[in-house]
Amino acid sequence: MGTSRWSHAVQALPPTRRALMLAGCGLAVCLTLVLALKPLLAHWQALQQWRALAVQVNGLAPAVVWTGERLQQLAGDQSVVLEQVEQGANGWQLRGSVADADTLQQWLATLHRQGGEVTQWQVERQATGLHFDLQLAGEARR
């Protein structure tokens, strides 16, 4: 009965009022949809950002993992003599010698290109060439 009364009341309105009432109801439905869909849209955008971040992370180079053998090989390729190679909590402690500064610089550049980061270093000149002591950051694998 309530629906019948409501429908008769709407029918009794002039046509312009009926159109305004219909437009008002349509506007109310649209606003309700906007309010309901806004959180869903924000959630979807956040998911898109996470997906983009995951793609970027997959494109990053993996962490450098050094081994004593790999360090010895790189040193031998550059005529660098490693006298001591120790794995520590903060990376690798390397002690050795080279004939000249250019050789040391080329070896350090090779380490850097392969992802190595020298965090501490010390060089001193000796009669046989240069003696160095450096700390190389990075993950260590035995």
N, C-alpha and C. Protein backbone atom coordinates (compact mmCIF):
# COMPACT_ATOMS: atom_id res chain seq x y z
N MET A 1 0.82 -1.20 0.00
CA MET A 1 0.00 0.00 0.00
C MET A 1 0.85 1.25 0.00
N GLY A 2 1.99 1.21 0.69
CA GLY A 2 2.85 2.38 0.74
C GLY A 2 3.39 2.70 -0.63
N THR A 3 3.68 1.68 -1.42
CA THR A 3 4.23 1.90 -2.76
C THR A 3 3.17 2.52 -3.64
N SER A 4 1.98 2.07 -3.50
CA SER A 4 0.89 2.60 -4.32
C SER A 4 0.66 4.08 -4.00
N ARG A 5 0.69 4.41 -2.75
CA ARG A 5 0.49 5.79 -2.34
C ARG A 5 1.63 6.66 -2.90
N TRP A 6 2.87 6.15 -2.80
CA TRP A 6 4.03 6.88 -3.31
C TRP A 6 3.92 7.08 -4.82
N SER A 7 3.56 6.05 -5.52
CA SER A 7 3.44 6.16 -6.98
C SER A 7 2.33 7.12 -7.37
N HIS A 8 1.22 7.15 -6.64
CA HIS A 8 0.14 8.10 -6.94
C HIS A 8 0.60 9.52 -6.65
N ALA A 9 1.37 9.70 -5.60
CA ALA A 9 1.86 11.04 -5.25
C ALA A 9 2.80 11.55 -6.33
N VAL A 10 3.64 10.67 -6.87
CA VAL A 10 4.57 11.08 -7.93
C VAL A 10 3.78 11.41 -9.19
N GLN A 11 2.80 10.59 -9.49
CA GLN A 11 1.99 10.82 -10.69
C GLN A 11 1.21 12.14 -10.59
N ALA A 12 0.88 12.53 -9.39
CA ALA A 12 0.10 13.75 -9.20
C ALA A 12 0.96 15.01 -9.39
N LEU A 13 2.27 14.88 -9.40
CA LEU A 13 3.16 16.04 -9.57
C LEU A 13 3.13 16.53 -11.02
N PRO A 14 3.36 17.83 -11.19
CA PRO A 14 3.45 18.35 -12.56
C PRO A 14 4.67 17.72 -13.25
N PRO A 15 4.69 17.65 -14.57
CA PRO A 15 5.77 16.99 -15.32
C PRO A 15 7.16 17.56 -15.02
N THR A 16 7.30 18.86 -14.84
CA THR A 16 8.61 19.42 -14.55
C THR A 16 9.09 18.98 -13.18
N ARG A 17 8.19 18.92 -12.22
CA ARG A 17 8.57 18.46 -10.88
C ARG A 17 8.95 16.98 -10.89
N ARG A 18 8.23 16.20 -11.67
CA ARG A 18 8.55 14.78 -11.81
C ARG A 18 9.95 14.61 -12.42
N ALA A 19 10.27 15.41 -13.42
CA ALA A 19 11.57 15.34 -14.08
C ALA A 19 12.67 15.75 -13.09
N LEU A 20 12.42 16.80 -12.32
CA LEU A 20 13.40 17.22 -11.31
C LEU A 20 13.59 16.16 -10.25
N MET A 21 12.51 15.51 -9.85
CA MET A 21 12.61 14.46 -8.85
C MET A 21 13.40 13.27 -9.40
N LEU A 22 13.14 12.92 -10.65
CA LEU A 22 13.87 11.83 -11.29
C LEU A 22 15.36 12.19 -11.42
N ALA A 23 15.64 13.45 -11.79
CA ALA A 23 17.03 13.90 -11.89
C ALA A 23 17.70 13.87 -10.51
N GLY A 24 16.99 14.28 -9.48
CA GLY A 24 17.53 14.24 -8.11
C GLY A 24 17.82 12.82 -7.67
N CYS A 25 16.91 11.90 -7.97
CA CYS A 25 17.16 10.49 -7.63
C CYS A 25 18.35 9.96 -8.41
N GLY A 26 18.45 10.32 -9.67
CA GLY A 26 19.60 9.89 -10.49
C GLY A 26 20.90 10.44 -9.93
N LEU A 27 20.87 11.72 -9.51
CA LEU A 27 22.05 12.33 -8.92
C LEU A 27 22.44 11.62 -7.63
N ALA A 28 21.46 11.28 -6.81
CA ALA A 28 21.72 10.57 -5.56
C ALA A 28 22.33 9.19 -5.84
N VAL A 29 21.84 8.51 -6.85
CA VAL A 29 22.40 7.20 -7.22
C VAL A 29 23.84 7.38 -7.70
N CYS A 30 24.09 8.41 -8.54
CA CYS A 30 25.45 8.66 -9.03
C CYS A 30 26.42 8.97 -7.89
N LEU A 31 26.01 9.82 -6.97
CA LEU A 31 26.87 10.14 -5.82
C LEU A 31 27.14 8.92 -4.96
N THR A 32 26.13 8.08 -4.77
CA THR A 32 26.30 6.86 -4.00
C THR A 32 27.32 5.94 -4.69
N LEU A 33 27.22 5.84 -6.03
CA LEU A 33 28.18 5.02 -6.77
C LEU A 33 29.59 5.59 -6.65
N VAL A 34 29.72 6.91 -6.74
CA VAL A 34 31.04 7.54 -6.62
C VAL A 34 31.63 7.24 -5.24
N LEU A 35 30.83 7.40 -4.21
CA LEU A 35 31.31 7.13 -2.85
C LEU A 35 31.66 5.66 -2.66
N ALA A 36 30.92 4.78 -3.32
CA ALA A 36 31.20 3.35 -3.17
C ALA A 36 32.43 2.94 -3.99
N LEU A 37 32.61 3.53 -5.16
CA LEU A 37 33.70 3.13 -6.05
C LEU A 37 35.03 3.83 -5.75
N LYS A 38 34.99 4.95 -5.05
CA LYS A 38 36.23 5.69 -4.77
C LYS A 38 37.25 4.86 -4.01
N PRO A 39 36.90 4.16 -2.93
CA PRO A 39 37.88 3.33 -2.25
C PRO A 39 38.39 2.18 -3.14
N LEU A 40 37.52 1.64 -3.97
CA LEU A 40 37.95 0.57 -4.87
C LEU A 40 38.95 1.09 -5.89
N LEU A 41 38.73 2.29 -6.40
CA LEU A 41 39.66 2.89 -7.35
C LEU A 41 41.01 3.18 -6.68
N ALA A 42 40.96 3.69 -5.46
CA ALA A 42 42.21 3.95 -4.73
C ALA A 42 42.97 2.65 -4.48
N HIS A 43 42.27 1.58 -4.14
CA HIS A 43 42.90 0.28 -3.93
C HIS A 43 43.52 -0.23 -5.23
N TRP A 44 42.83 -0.09 -6.33
CA TRP A 44 43.33 -0.53 -7.63
C TRP A 44 44.59 0.26 -8.01
N GLN A 45 44.59 1.56 -7.76
CA GLN A 45 45.77 2.38 -8.06
C GLN A 45 46.96 1.95 -7.19
N ALA A 46 46.70 1.66 -5.92
CA ALA A 46 47.78 1.20 -5.05
C ALA A 46 48.35 -0.13 -5.55
N LEU A 47 47.49 -1.02 -6.00
CA LEU A 47 47.96 -2.29 -6.56
C LEU A 47 48.82 -2.06 -7.80
N GLN A 48 48.41 -1.12 -8.64
CA GLN A 48 49.19 -0.80 -9.84
C GLN A 48 50.57 -0.27 -9.45
N GLN A 49 50.64 0.55 -8.41
CA GLN A 49 51.93 1.07 -7.96
C GLN A 49 52.82 -0.06 -7.43
N TRP A 50 52.23 -1.00 -6.69
CA TRP A 50 53.00 -2.13 -6.18
C TRP A 50 53.50 -2.99 -7.33
N ARG A 51 52.67 -3.19 -8.36
CA ARG A 51 53.10 -3.97 -9.52
C ARG A 51 54.25 -3.28 -10.23
N ALA A 52 54.15 -1.95 -10.40
CA ALA A 52 55.23 -1.20 -11.05
C ALA A 52 56.51 -1.30 -10.23
N LEU A 53 56.39 -1.23 -8.92
CA LEU A 53 57.55 -1.35 -8.04
C LEU A 53 58.18 -2.75 -8.16
N ALA A 54 57.34 -3.77 -8.24
CA ALA A 54 57.85 -5.14 -8.39
C ALA A 54 58.62 -5.29 -9.70
N VAL A 55 58.12 -4.67 -10.77
CA VAL A 55 58.82 -4.73 -12.05
C VAL A 55 60.17 -4.03 -11.94
N GLN A 56 60.22 -2.89 -11.25
CA GLN A 56 61.48 -2.17 -11.07
C GLN A 56 62.46 -3.00 -10.25
N VAL A 57 61.98 -3.64 -9.20
CA VAL A 57 62.85 -4.44 -8.35
C VAL A 57 63.42 -5.62 -9.14
N ASN A 58 62.60 -6.23 -9.98
CA ASN A 58 63.09 -7.34 -10.79
C ASN A 58 64.17 -6.89 -11.77
N GLY A 59 64.14 -5.63 -12.16
CA GLY A 59 65.13 -5.10 -13.08
C GLY A 59 66.44 -4.72 -12.43
N LEU A 60 66.46 -4.64 -11.10
CA LEU A 60 67.70 -4.26 -10.40
C LEU A 60 68.70 -5.40 -10.43
N ALA A 61 69.95 -5.03 -10.39
CA ALA A 61 71.01 -6.04 -10.34
C ALA A 61 70.99 -6.73 -8.98
N PRO A 62 71.24 -8.01 -8.97
CA PRO A 62 71.28 -8.70 -7.68
C PRO A 62 72.46 -8.24 -6.85
N ALA A 63 72.35 -8.46 -5.56
CA ALA A 63 73.44 -8.07 -4.66
C ALA A 63 74.72 -8.81 -5.05
N VAL A 64 75.82 -8.11 -4.93
CA VAL A 64 77.11 -8.70 -5.29
C VAL A 64 77.50 -9.70 -4.22
N VAL A 65 77.82 -10.89 -4.64
CA VAL A 65 78.28 -11.92 -3.73
C VAL A 65 79.72 -12.24 -4.10
N TRP A 66 80.61 -11.96 -3.18
CA TRP A 66 82.04 -12.18 -3.41
C TRP A 66 82.45 -13.50 -2.80
N THR A 67 83.41 -14.13 -3.44
CA THR A 67 84.07 -15.30 -2.87
C THR A 67 85.57 -15.03 -2.90
N GLY A 68 86.29 -15.73 -2.04
CA GLY A 68 87.73 -15.58 -2.03
C GLY A 68 88.34 -15.94 -3.37
N GLU A 69 87.81 -17.00 -4.00
CA GLU A 69 88.33 -17.43 -5.30
C GLU A 69 88.10 -16.35 -6.37
N ARG A 70 86.92 -15.77 -6.34
CA ARG A 70 86.61 -14.73 -7.33
C ARG A 70 87.52 -13.51 -7.16
N LEU A 71 87.74 -13.12 -5.92
CA LEU A 71 88.63 -11.99 -5.66
C LEU A 71 90.06 -12.30 -6.10
N GLN A 72 90.51 -13.51 -5.83
CA GLN A 72 91.85 -13.92 -6.26
C GLN A 72 91.96 -13.91 -7.79
N GLN A 73 90.92 -14.39 -8.45
CA GLN A 73 90.93 -14.42 -9.92
C GLN A 73 90.98 -13.01 -10.49
N LEU A 74 90.15 -12.10 -9.97
CA LEU A 74 90.17 -10.71 -10.44
C LEU A 74 91.52 -10.06 -10.20
N ALA A 75 92.13 -10.38 -9.07
CA ALA A 75 93.44 -9.81 -8.77
C ALA A 75 94.48 -10.36 -9.74
N GLY A 76 94.45 -11.67 -9.99
CA GLY A 76 95.42 -12.28 -10.89
C GLY A 76 95.29 -11.76 -12.31
N ASP A 77 94.05 -11.47 -12.74
CA ASP A 77 93.82 -10.94 -14.08
C ASP A 77 94.45 -9.57 -14.25
N GLN A 78 94.64 -8.84 -13.16
CA GLN A 78 95.15 -7.47 -13.22
C GLN A 78 96.58 -7.35 -12.68
N SER A 79 97.27 -8.47 -12.47
CA SER A 79 98.63 -8.47 -11.92
C SER A 79 98.69 -7.86 -10.53
N VAL A 80 97.67 -8.16 -9.74
CA VAL A 80 97.62 -7.72 -8.34
C VAL A 80 97.87 -8.95 -7.49
N VAL A 81 98.76 -8.84 -6.53
CA VAL A 81 99.06 -9.96 -5.64
C VAL A 81 98.29 -9.75 -4.34
N LEU A 82 97.35 -10.66 -4.07
CA LEU A 82 96.60 -10.61 -2.81
C LEU A 82 97.31 -11.52 -1.81
N GLU A 83 97.81 -10.91 -0.76
CA GLU A 83 98.54 -11.66 0.26
C GLU A 83 97.61 -12.17 1.35
N GLN A 84 96.50 -11.47 1.55
CA GLN A 84 95.56 -11.88 2.60
C GLN A 84 94.15 -11.52 2.14
N VAL A 85 93.26 -12.48 2.20
CA VAL A 85 91.85 -12.30 1.86
C VAL A 85 91.05 -12.88 3.01
N GLU A 86 90.40 -12.00 3.77
CA GLU A 86 89.63 -12.45 4.94
C GLU A 86 88.20 -11.97 4.84
N GLN A 87 87.31 -12.88 5.12
CA GLN A 87 85.89 -12.55 5.16
C GLN A 87 85.56 -12.03 6.55
N GLY A 88 84.93 -10.86 6.62
CA GLY A 88 84.56 -10.29 7.90
C GLY A 88 83.07 -9.99 7.96
N ALA A 89 82.66 -9.42 9.06
CA ALA A 89 81.25 -9.08 9.25
C ALA A 89 80.80 -8.00 8.28
N ASN A 90 81.70 -7.10 7.91
CA ASN A 90 81.34 -5.98 7.03
C ASN A 90 81.77 -6.18 5.59
N GLY A 91 82.18 -7.39 5.23
CA GLY A 91 82.62 -7.65 3.88
C GLY A 91 83.96 -8.36 3.88
N TRP A 92 84.85 -7.93 3.01
CA TRP A 92 86.15 -8.58 2.83
C TRP A 92 87.29 -7.64 3.17
N GLN A 93 88.27 -8.15 3.87
CA GLN A 93 89.49 -7.41 4.17
C GLN A 93 90.54 -7.94 3.21
N LEU A 94 91.10 -7.07 2.36
CA LEU A 94 92.08 -7.49 1.36
C LEU A 94 93.39 -6.77 1.60
N ARG A 95 94.47 -7.54 1.61
CA ARG A 95 95.81 -6.97 1.73
C ARG A 95 96.63 -7.52 0.58
N GLY A 96 97.42 -6.65 -0.04
CA GLY A 96 98.22 -7.12 -1.14
C GLY A 96 99.16 -6.06 -1.65
N SER A 97 99.70 -6.33 -2.83
CA SER A 97 100.66 -5.39 -3.42
C SER A 97 100.50 -5.35 -4.93
N VAL A 98 100.94 -4.24 -5.49
CA VAL A 98 100.94 -4.02 -6.94
C VAL A 98 102.23 -3.31 -7.30
N ALA A 99 102.54 -3.37 -8.60
CA ALA A 99 103.78 -2.73 -9.05
C ALA A 99 103.66 -1.22 -9.07
N ASP A 100 102.48 -0.72 -9.50
CA ASP A 100 102.34 0.74 -9.62
C ASP A 100 100.90 1.16 -9.36
N ALA A 101 100.72 2.48 -9.28
CA ALA A 101 99.40 3.05 -8.95
C ALA A 101 98.38 2.81 -10.06
N ASP A 102 98.82 2.80 -11.32
CA ASP A 102 97.89 2.57 -12.43
C ASP A 102 97.27 1.19 -12.35
N THR A 103 98.08 0.20 -12.02
CA THR A 103 97.56 -1.17 -11.89
C THR A 103 96.54 -1.25 -10.77
N LEU A 104 96.83 -0.62 -9.65
CA LEU A 104 95.88 -0.61 -8.53
C LEU A 104 94.59 0.10 -8.92
N GLN A 105 94.73 1.20 -9.62
CA GLN A 105 93.54 1.96 -10.05
C GLN A 105 92.69 1.14 -11.02
N GLN A 106 93.31 0.43 -11.94
CA GLN A 106 92.56 -0.40 -12.88
C GLN A 106 91.85 -1.55 -12.15
N TRP A 107 92.52 -2.15 -11.17
CA TRP A 107 91.90 -3.24 -10.43
C TRP A 107 90.71 -2.74 -9.61
N LEU A 108 90.88 -1.57 -8.96
CA LEU A 108 89.77 -1.00 -8.20
C LEU A 108 88.61 -0.64 -9.11
N ALA A 109 88.90 -0.16 -10.32
CA ALA A 109 87.83 0.16 -11.28
C ALA A 109 87.10 -1.12 -11.70
N THR A 110 87.85 -2.21 -11.86
CA THR A 110 87.22 -3.50 -12.20
C THR A 110 86.30 -3.96 -11.07
N LEU A 111 86.77 -3.86 -9.84
CA LEU A 111 85.92 -4.22 -8.70
C LEU A 111 84.65 -3.36 -8.67
N HIS A 112 84.81 -2.07 -8.92
CA HIS A 112 83.67 -1.16 -8.90
C HIS A 112 82.66 -1.51 -10.01
N ARG A 113 83.15 -1.81 -11.21
CA ARG A 113 82.26 -2.17 -12.32
C ARG A 113 81.47 -3.43 -12.01
N GLN A 114 82.04 -4.31 -11.22
CA GLN A 114 81.37 -5.55 -10.89
C GLN A 114 80.54 -5.43 -9.61
N GLY A 115 80.38 -4.21 -9.13
CA GLY A 115 79.50 -3.97 -7.99
C GLY A 115 80.18 -3.87 -6.65
N GLY A 116 81.49 -3.89 -6.63
CA GLY A 116 82.22 -3.79 -5.37
C GLY A 116 82.26 -2.36 -4.88
N GLU A 117 82.26 -2.21 -3.57
CA GLU A 117 82.34 -0.89 -2.96
C GLU A 117 83.43 -0.91 -1.89
N VAL A 118 84.48 -0.14 -2.17
CA VAL A 118 85.57 -0.05 -1.21
C VAL A 118 85.17 0.95 -0.14
N THR A 119 85.10 0.49 1.10
CA THR A 119 84.64 1.36 2.18
C THR A 119 85.80 1.97 2.96
N GLN A 120 86.93 1.29 3.00
CA GLN A 120 88.13 1.81 3.66
C GLN A 120 89.34 1.33 2.86
N TRP A 121 90.35 2.18 2.81
CA TRP A 121 91.56 1.77 2.11
C TRP A 121 92.77 2.52 2.64
N GLN A 122 93.91 1.88 2.44
CA GLN A 122 95.18 2.47 2.85
C GLN A 122 96.23 1.97 1.87
N VAL A 123 97.08 2.87 1.39
CA VAL A 123 98.14 2.51 0.45
C VAL A 123 99.45 3.10 0.97
N GLU A 124 100.50 2.30 0.88
CA GLU A 124 101.81 2.83 1.24
C GLU A 124 102.84 2.33 0.23
N ARG A 125 103.79 3.19 -0.06
CA ARG A 125 104.84 2.86 -1.01
C ARG A 125 105.94 2.08 -0.29
N GLN A 126 106.36 0.99 -0.93
CA GLN A 126 107.47 0.19 -0.43
C GLN A 126 108.48 0.02 -1.56
N ALA A 127 109.61 -0.55 -1.26
CA ALA A 127 110.67 -0.70 -2.27
C ALA A 127 110.22 -1.56 -3.44
N THR A 128 109.32 -2.51 -3.19
CA THR A 128 108.87 -3.42 -4.25
C THR A 128 107.64 -2.92 -4.99
N GLY A 129 107.09 -1.79 -4.62
CA GLY A 129 105.88 -1.26 -5.25
C GLY A 129 104.96 -0.67 -4.21
N LEU A 130 103.69 -0.84 -4.43
CA LEU A 130 102.68 -0.31 -3.50
C LEU A 130 102.07 -1.47 -2.71
N HIS A 131 101.90 -1.24 -1.42
CA HIS A 131 101.23 -2.20 -0.55
C HIS A 131 99.88 -1.57 -0.16
N PHE A 132 98.81 -2.33 -0.28
CA PHE A 132 97.48 -1.79 0.03
C PHE A 132 96.77 -2.67 1.04
N ASP A 133 95.82 -2.04 1.72
CA ASP A 133 94.97 -2.69 2.69
C ASP A 133 93.59 -2.06 2.48
N LEU A 134 92.59 -2.86 2.10
CA LEU A 134 91.28 -2.26 1.85
C LEU A 134 90.15 -3.15 2.34
N GLN A 135 89.03 -2.51 2.60
CA GLN A 135 87.80 -3.17 3.04
C GLN A 135 86.82 -3.09 1.88
N LEU A 136 86.34 -4.24 1.44
CA LEU A 136 85.39 -4.33 0.32
C LEU A 136 84.04 -4.73 0.88
N ALA A 137 83.04 -3.90 0.68
CA ALA A 137 81.69 -4.21 1.17
C ALA A 137 81.05 -5.22 0.24
N GLY A 138 80.09 -5.94 0.75
CA GLY A 138 79.35 -6.89 -0.07
C GLY A 138 79.11 -8.17 0.69
N GLU A 139 78.15 -8.93 0.16
CA GLU A 139 77.83 -10.21 0.77
C GLU A 139 78.97 -11.16 0.55
N ALA A 140 79.15 -12.04 1.47
CA ALA A 140 80.22 -13.01 1.36
C ALA A 140 79.62 -14.41 1.28
N ARG A 141 80.20 -15.22 0.42
CA ARG A 141 79.79 -16.62 0.34
C ARG A 141 81.06 -17.45 0.41
N ARG A 142 81.04 -18.46 1.22
CA ARG A 142 82.26 -19.28 1.38
C ARG A 142 82.37 -20.29 0.29
